[in-house]
Amino acid sequence: MIKKLNKDGDHYTIEIDAQLVEALQATTATEFEVILNDGSLSITPVKNGSLNDKFEEALADVHNRFGNAMKKLAE
């Protein structure tokens, strides 16, 4: 599939067909990670971003509250 850039004010856009959006299970609220690597652009939907954030927060809480006990148990 070949697409062209569209200019929208100070921004550039690329249209994504509805079929691709549905296949990605994306919505207008979906966040995308955009990576530039050796002249290629990779656009990946971020799935369950808030769930990931909650997990990281919970993991940090467990480490803060029980880190010393875990170290002792590991010994």
Protein backbone atom coordinates (compact mmCIF):
# COMPACT_ATOMS: atom_id res chain seq x y z
CA MET A 1 0.00 0.00 0.00
CA ILE A 2 1.46 3.35 -1.00
CA LYS A 3 0.31 6.60 0.62
CA LYS A 4 1.24 10.26 0.20
CA LEU A 5 1.64 12.90 2.87
CA ASN A 6 -1.08 15.49 3.26
CA LYS A 7 -0.32 18.96 4.66
CA ASP A 8 -2.64 20.22 7.37
CA GLY A 9 -1.45 23.61 8.62
CA ASP A 10 1.92 23.05 10.31
CA HIS A 11 1.41 19.26 10.40
CA TYR A 12 1.63 16.43 7.91
CA THR A 13 -0.78 13.51 7.92
CA ILE A 14 -1.12 10.11 6.29
CA GLU A 15 -4.60 8.69 5.77
CA ILE A 16 -5.16 5.21 7.17
CA ASP A 17 -7.92 3.13 5.60
CA ALA A 18 -10.82 2.09 7.84
CA GLN A 19 -9.97 -1.58 7.22
CA LEU A 20 -6.50 -1.08 8.72
CA VAL A 21 -7.92 0.81 11.69
CA GLU A 22 -10.36 -2.03 12.33
CA ALA A 23 -7.64 -4.66 11.95
CA LEU A 24 -5.55 -2.79 14.55
CA GLN A 25 -8.61 -2.46 16.80
CA ALA A 26 -7.73 1.24 17.04
CA THR A 27 -9.93 4.23 17.77
CA THR A 28 -9.35 7.97 17.86
CA ALA A 29 -8.33 7.46 21.51
CA THR A 30 -5.63 4.90 20.65
CA GLU A 31 -2.10 6.11 21.28
CA PHE A 32 0.65 5.14 18.85
CA GLU A 33 4.36 4.72 19.39
CA VAL A 34 6.26 6.28 16.47
CA ILE A 35 9.86 5.22 15.84
CA LEU A 36 12.24 6.46 13.15
CA ASN A 37 14.93 3.89 12.35
CA ASP A 38 17.33 4.08 9.39
CA GLY A 39 14.90 6.04 7.24
CA SER A 40 11.90 3.86 8.09
CA LEU A 41 8.93 4.97 10.13
CA SER A 42 7.29 2.43 12.44
CA ILE A 43 3.86 3.23 13.90
CA THR A 44 2.58 0.79 16.53
CA PRO A 45 -0.61 1.09 18.56
CA VAL A 46 -0.03 1.14 22.30
CA LYS A 47 -2.37 -1.48 23.74
CA ASN A 48 -3.52 -1.19 27.35
CA GLY A 49 -1.19 1.71 28.07
CA SER A 50 -3.02 2.55 31.28
CA LEU A 51 -2.94 -1.10 32.37
CA ASN A 52 0.81 -1.13 31.83
CA ASP A 53 1.18 2.04 33.89
CA LYS A 54 -0.90 0.54 36.70
CA PHE A 55 1.26 -2.59 36.69
CA GLU A 56 4.46 -0.54 36.88
CA GLU A 57 3.04 1.49 39.78
CA ALA A 58 1.96 -1.67 41.63
CA LEU A 59 5.36 -3.28 41.06
CA ALA A 60 7.14 -0.21 42.42
CA ASP A 61 4.82 -0.23 45.45
CA VAL A 62 5.59 -3.90 46.15
CA HIS A 63 9.33 -3.22 45.88
CA ASN A 64 9.06 -0.23 48.21
CA ARG A 65 6.95 -2.04 50.80
CA PHE A 66 8.44 -5.54 50.68
CA GLY A 67 11.81 -5.20 48.96
CA ASN A 68 13.88 -5.90 52.09
CA ALA A 69 11.76 -8.91 53.03
CA MET A 70 12.12 -10.31 49.50
CA LYS A 71 15.89 -9.92 49.65
CA LYS A 72 16.02 -11.78 52.97
CA LEU A 73 13.81 -14.54 51.60
CA ALA A 74 16.03 -14.86 48.54
CA GLU A 75 19.06 -15.45 50.79
